[in-house]
């Protein structure tokens, strides 16, 4: 999937695949860096990425049925924007 996206970016922007890969990697790195800092990342018309905190909880091992403790974690979330929703419907 990533390779297909790089090819599309290169073709649409009339740049090399190497340049498109660097641009895509920079985008992913920027989103990740901002999420790590607790910031929201919004792309108008596309959607918003943010981080939520999930509380620690008790779960079950599906193979044995034993209870296990699942630690608290930060979880990335994505909320699609109106433009993306409209494009899909």
N, C-alpha and C. Protein backbone atom coordinates (compact mmCIF):
# COMPACT_ATOMS: atom_id res chain seq x y z
N UNK A 1 0.81 -1.19 0.00
CA UNK A 1 0.00 0.00 0.00
C UNK A 1 0.86 1.26 0.00
N UNK A 2 1.92 1.27 0.83
CA UNK A 2 2.77 2.46 0.89
C UNK A 2 3.44 2.70 -0.46
N UNK A 3 3.90 1.63 -1.10
CA UNK A 3 4.55 1.78 -2.41
C UNK A 3 3.58 2.35 -3.45
N UNK A 4 2.32 1.91 -3.41
CA UNK A 4 1.32 2.43 -4.34
C UNK A 4 1.09 3.92 -4.10
N UNK A 5 1.06 4.31 -2.84
CA UNK A 5 0.88 5.72 -2.50
C UNK A 5 2.07 6.54 -2.97
N UNK A 6 3.27 6.02 -2.81
CA UNK A 6 4.48 6.72 -3.27
C UNK A 6 4.43 6.89 -4.78
N UNK A 7 4.05 5.84 -5.50
CA UNK A 7 3.96 5.94 -6.96
C UNK A 7 2.94 6.99 -7.38
N UNK A 8 1.78 7.02 -6.71
CA UNK A 8 0.74 8.00 -7.03
C UNK A 8 1.22 9.42 -6.76
N UNK A 9 1.89 9.60 -5.61
CA UNK A 9 2.41 10.92 -5.26
C UNK A 9 3.43 11.39 -6.29
N UNK A 10 4.33 10.50 -6.68
CA UNK A 10 5.36 10.85 -7.65
C UNK A 10 4.74 11.24 -8.98
N UNK A 11 3.76 10.48 -9.42
CA UNK A 11 3.12 10.76 -10.70
C UNK A 11 2.34 12.08 -10.66
N UNK A 12 1.53 12.27 -9.63
CA UNK A 12 0.69 13.47 -9.53
C UNK A 12 1.52 14.74 -9.34
N UNK A 13 2.57 14.66 -8.54
CA UNK A 13 3.40 15.83 -8.25
C UNK A 13 4.54 16.00 -9.24
N UNK A 14 4.68 15.03 -10.16
CA UNK A 14 5.77 15.06 -11.15
C UNK A 14 7.14 15.17 -10.47
N UNK A 15 7.34 14.25 -9.52
CA UNK A 15 8.62 14.15 -8.82
C UNK A 15 9.06 12.69 -8.87
N UNK A 16 10.30 12.45 -8.46
CA UNK A 16 10.79 11.06 -8.48
C UNK A 16 10.17 10.28 -7.32
N UNK A 17 10.23 8.96 -7.44
CA UNK A 17 9.72 8.12 -6.36
C UNK A 17 10.52 8.34 -5.07
N UNK A 18 11.81 8.57 -5.22
CA UNK A 18 12.65 8.81 -4.04
C UNK A 18 12.21 10.08 -3.32
N UNK A 19 11.90 11.13 -4.08
CA UNK A 19 11.44 12.37 -3.48
C UNK A 19 10.07 12.17 -2.83
N UNK A 20 9.19 11.42 -3.48
CA UNK A 20 7.86 11.15 -2.92
C UNK A 20 7.99 10.34 -1.63
N UNK A 21 8.90 9.37 -1.61
CA UNK A 21 9.10 8.56 -0.40
C UNK A 21 9.60 9.42 0.75
N UNK A 22 10.54 10.32 0.47
CA UNK A 22 11.05 11.22 1.52
C UNK A 22 9.93 12.12 2.04
N UNK A 23 9.10 12.62 1.14
CA UNK A 23 7.99 13.49 1.54
C UNK A 23 6.99 12.73 2.40
N UNK A 24 6.65 11.52 2.01
CA UNK A 24 5.69 10.71 2.77
C UNK A 24 6.27 10.34 4.13
N UNK A 25 7.54 9.95 4.16
CA UNK A 25 8.19 9.63 5.43
C UNK A 25 8.23 10.85 6.36
N UNK A 26 8.46 12.04 5.79
CA UNK A 26 8.48 13.27 6.58
C UNK A 26 7.09 13.56 7.14
N UNK A 27 6.06 13.31 6.35
CA UNK A 27 4.69 13.50 6.82
C UNK A 27 4.39 12.57 7.99
N UNK A 28 4.69 11.29 7.83
CA UNK A 28 4.46 10.32 8.90
C UNK A 28 5.24 10.69 10.15
N UNK A 29 6.49 11.11 9.97
CA UNK A 29 7.32 11.49 11.11
C UNK A 29 6.74 12.71 11.82
N UNK A 30 6.28 13.68 11.05
CA UNK A 30 5.68 14.88 11.64
C UNK A 30 4.41 14.57 12.42
N UNK A 31 3.57 13.72 11.88
CA UNK A 31 2.34 13.33 12.58
C UNK A 31 2.71 12.59 13.86
N UNK A 32 3.62 11.64 13.78
CA UNK A 32 4.03 10.85 14.95
C UNK A 32 4.64 11.74 16.03
N UNK A 33 5.52 12.65 15.64
CA UNK A 33 6.18 13.54 16.59
C UNK A 33 5.16 14.40 17.34
N UNK A 34 4.21 14.96 16.60
CA UNK A 34 3.20 15.80 17.23
C UNK A 34 2.27 15.00 18.14
N UNK A 35 1.91 13.80 17.74
CA UNK A 35 1.07 12.96 18.59
C UNK A 35 1.80 12.59 19.88
N UNK A 36 3.10 12.31 19.78
CA UNK A 36 3.90 12.00 20.97
C UNK A 36 3.90 13.16 21.95
N UNK A 37 3.84 14.39 21.42
CA UNK A 37 3.82 15.59 22.26
C UNK A 37 2.42 15.88 22.80
N UNK A 38 1.45 15.06 22.42
CA UNK A 38 0.08 15.26 22.90
C UNK A 38 -0.72 16.24 22.06
N UNK A 39 -0.21 16.60 20.90
CA UNK A 39 -0.90 17.55 20.03
C UNK A 39 -1.83 16.83 19.06
N UNK A 40 -2.91 17.52 18.67
CA UNK A 40 -3.79 17.01 17.61
C UNK A 40 -3.19 17.38 16.27
N UNK A 41 -3.41 16.54 15.27
CA UNK A 41 -2.95 16.83 13.92
C UNK A 41 -4.17 16.80 13.01
N UNK A 42 -4.50 17.96 12.43
CA UNK A 42 -5.69 18.06 11.59
C UNK A 42 -5.31 18.38 10.15
N UNK A 43 -5.98 17.68 9.24
CA UNK A 43 -5.87 17.97 7.82
C UNK A 43 -7.29 18.32 7.37
N UNK A 44 -7.54 19.61 7.13
CA UNK A 44 -8.88 20.08 6.82
C UNK A 44 -9.43 19.30 5.62
N UNK A 45 -10.63 18.78 5.80
CA UNK A 45 -11.29 18.01 4.75
C UNK A 45 -10.92 16.54 4.75
N UNK A 46 -9.82 16.18 5.40
CA UNK A 46 -9.39 14.78 5.44
C UNK A 46 -9.71 14.14 6.78
N UNK A 47 -9.21 14.76 7.85
CA UNK A 47 -9.50 14.21 9.17
C UNK A 47 -8.52 14.69 10.22
N UNK A 48 -8.72 14.18 11.44
CA UNK A 48 -7.92 14.60 12.59
C UNK A 48 -7.39 13.38 13.32
N UNK A 49 -6.09 13.43 13.64
CA UNK A 49 -5.45 12.41 14.46
C UNK A 49 -5.27 13.00 15.86
N UNK A 50 -5.53 12.19 16.89
CA UNK A 50 -5.23 12.61 18.24
C UNK A 50 -4.91 11.38 19.08
N UNK A 51 -4.50 11.61 20.32
CA UNK A 51 -4.14 10.50 21.21
C UNK A 51 -5.10 10.52 22.39
N UNK A 52 -5.63 9.36 22.73
CA UNK A 52 -6.45 9.22 23.92
C UNK A 52 -5.77 8.24 24.88
N UNK A 53 -6.14 8.33 26.13
CA UNK A 53 -5.58 7.43 27.13
C UNK A 53 -6.59 6.34 27.43
N UNK A 54 -6.14 5.12 27.40
CA UNK A 54 -6.98 3.98 27.75
C UNK A 54 -6.58 3.53 29.15
N UNK A 55 -7.56 3.37 30.03
CA UNK A 55 -7.29 2.96 31.40
C UNK A 55 -6.84 1.51 31.46
N UNK A 56 -6.12 1.18 32.53
CA UNK A 56 -5.74 -0.21 32.78
C UNK A 56 -7.02 -1.00 33.02
N UNK A 57 -7.02 -2.25 32.62
CA UNK A 57 -8.21 -3.07 32.79
C UNK A 57 -7.83 -4.54 32.90
N UNK A 58 -8.81 -5.34 33.26
CA UNK A 58 -8.61 -6.78 33.35
C UNK A 58 -9.23 -7.42 32.12
N UNK A 59 -8.50 -8.32 31.50
CA UNK A 59 -9.00 -9.03 30.33
C UNK A 59 -8.86 -10.53 30.54
N UNK A 60 -9.11 -11.27 29.49
CA UNK A 60 -8.98 -12.73 29.57
C UNK A 60 -8.12 -13.22 28.41
N UNK A 61 -7.27 -14.20 28.73
CA UNK A 61 -6.49 -14.87 27.70
C UNK A 61 -7.48 -15.77 26.96
N UNK A 62 -7.67 -15.54 25.64
CA UNK A 62 -8.67 -16.32 24.91
C UNK A 62 -8.35 -17.81 24.82
N UNK A 63 -7.08 -18.18 24.95
CA UNK A 63 -6.72 -19.59 24.84
C UNK A 63 -6.94 -20.35 26.15
N UNK A 64 -6.64 -19.67 27.27
CA UNK A 64 -6.73 -20.37 28.56
C UNK A 64 -7.89 -19.91 29.42
N UNK A 65 -8.41 -18.73 29.14
CA UNK A 65 -9.49 -18.18 29.96
C UNK A 65 -8.99 -17.51 31.22
N UNK A 66 -7.66 -17.52 31.46
CA UNK A 66 -7.10 -16.88 32.64
C UNK A 66 -7.24 -15.37 32.55
N UNK A 67 -7.45 -14.73 33.71
CA UNK A 67 -7.50 -13.28 33.75
C UNK A 67 -6.09 -12.73 33.57
N UNK A 68 -6.00 -11.63 32.84
CA UNK A 68 -4.72 -10.94 32.66
C UNK A 68 -4.94 -9.45 32.90
N UNK A 69 -3.91 -8.79 33.35
CA UNK A 69 -3.99 -7.35 33.56
C UNK A 69 -3.46 -6.67 32.30
N UNK A 70 -4.26 -5.79 31.75
CA UNK A 70 -3.87 -5.02 30.57
C UNK A 70 -3.51 -3.63 31.06
N UNK A 71 -2.26 -3.20 30.85
CA UNK A 71 -1.84 -1.91 31.38
C UNK A 71 -2.48 -0.72 30.65
N UNK A 72 -2.46 0.43 31.29
CA UNK A 72 -2.94 1.65 30.65
C UNK A 72 -2.06 1.93 29.44
N UNK A 73 -2.64 2.59 28.45
CA UNK A 73 -1.88 2.88 27.23
C UNK A 73 -2.40 4.13 26.54
N UNK A 74 -1.53 4.76 25.78
CA UNK A 74 -1.93 5.85 24.90
C UNK A 74 -2.28 5.23 23.56
N UNK A 75 -3.43 5.63 22.99
CA UNK A 75 -3.92 5.03 21.77
C UNK A 75 -4.19 6.11 20.72
N UNK A 76 -3.65 5.95 19.50
CA UNK A 76 -3.95 6.93 18.46
C UNK A 76 -5.38 6.73 17.95
N UNK A 77 -6.03 7.84 17.66
CA UNK A 77 -7.40 7.83 17.12
C UNK A 77 -7.43 8.69 15.87
N UNK A 78 -8.33 8.33 14.96
CA UNK A 78 -8.52 9.11 13.74
C UNK A 78 -10.00 9.37 13.56
N UNK A 79 -10.34 10.64 13.33
CA UNK A 79 -11.73 11.01 13.05
C UNK A 79 -11.76 11.57 11.63
N UNK A 80 -12.44 10.90 10.71
CA UNK A 80 -12.47 11.38 9.33
C UNK A 80 -13.21 12.70 9.22
N UNK A 81 -12.73 13.53 8.30
CA UNK A 81 -13.37 14.82 8.04
C UNK A 81 -14.49 14.69 7.03
N UNK A 82 -15.23 15.77 6.86
CA UNK A 82 -16.38 15.78 5.96
C UNK A 82 -15.98 15.47 4.52
N UNK A 83 -14.86 16.02 4.06
CA UNK A 83 -14.42 15.79 2.70
C UNK A 83 -14.14 14.31 2.42
N UNK A 84 -13.51 13.65 3.36
CA UNK A 84 -13.21 12.23 3.21
C UNK A 84 -14.50 11.41 3.24
N UNK A 85 -15.38 11.74 4.17
CA UNK A 85 -16.66 11.02 4.25
C UNK A 85 -17.47 11.19 2.96
N UNK A 86 -17.52 12.42 2.44
CA UNK A 86 -18.26 12.69 1.21
C UNK A 86 -17.68 11.93 0.03
N UNK A 87 -16.34 11.84 0.00
CA UNK A 87 -15.67 11.15 -1.11
C UNK A 87 -15.98 9.66 -1.12
N UNK A 88 -16.24 9.10 0.06
CA UNK A 88 -16.50 7.68 0.15
C UNK A 88 -17.97 7.32 -0.07
N UNK A 89 -18.85 8.31 0.05
CA UNK A 89 -20.28 8.02 -0.08
C UNK A 89 -20.88 8.57 -1.33
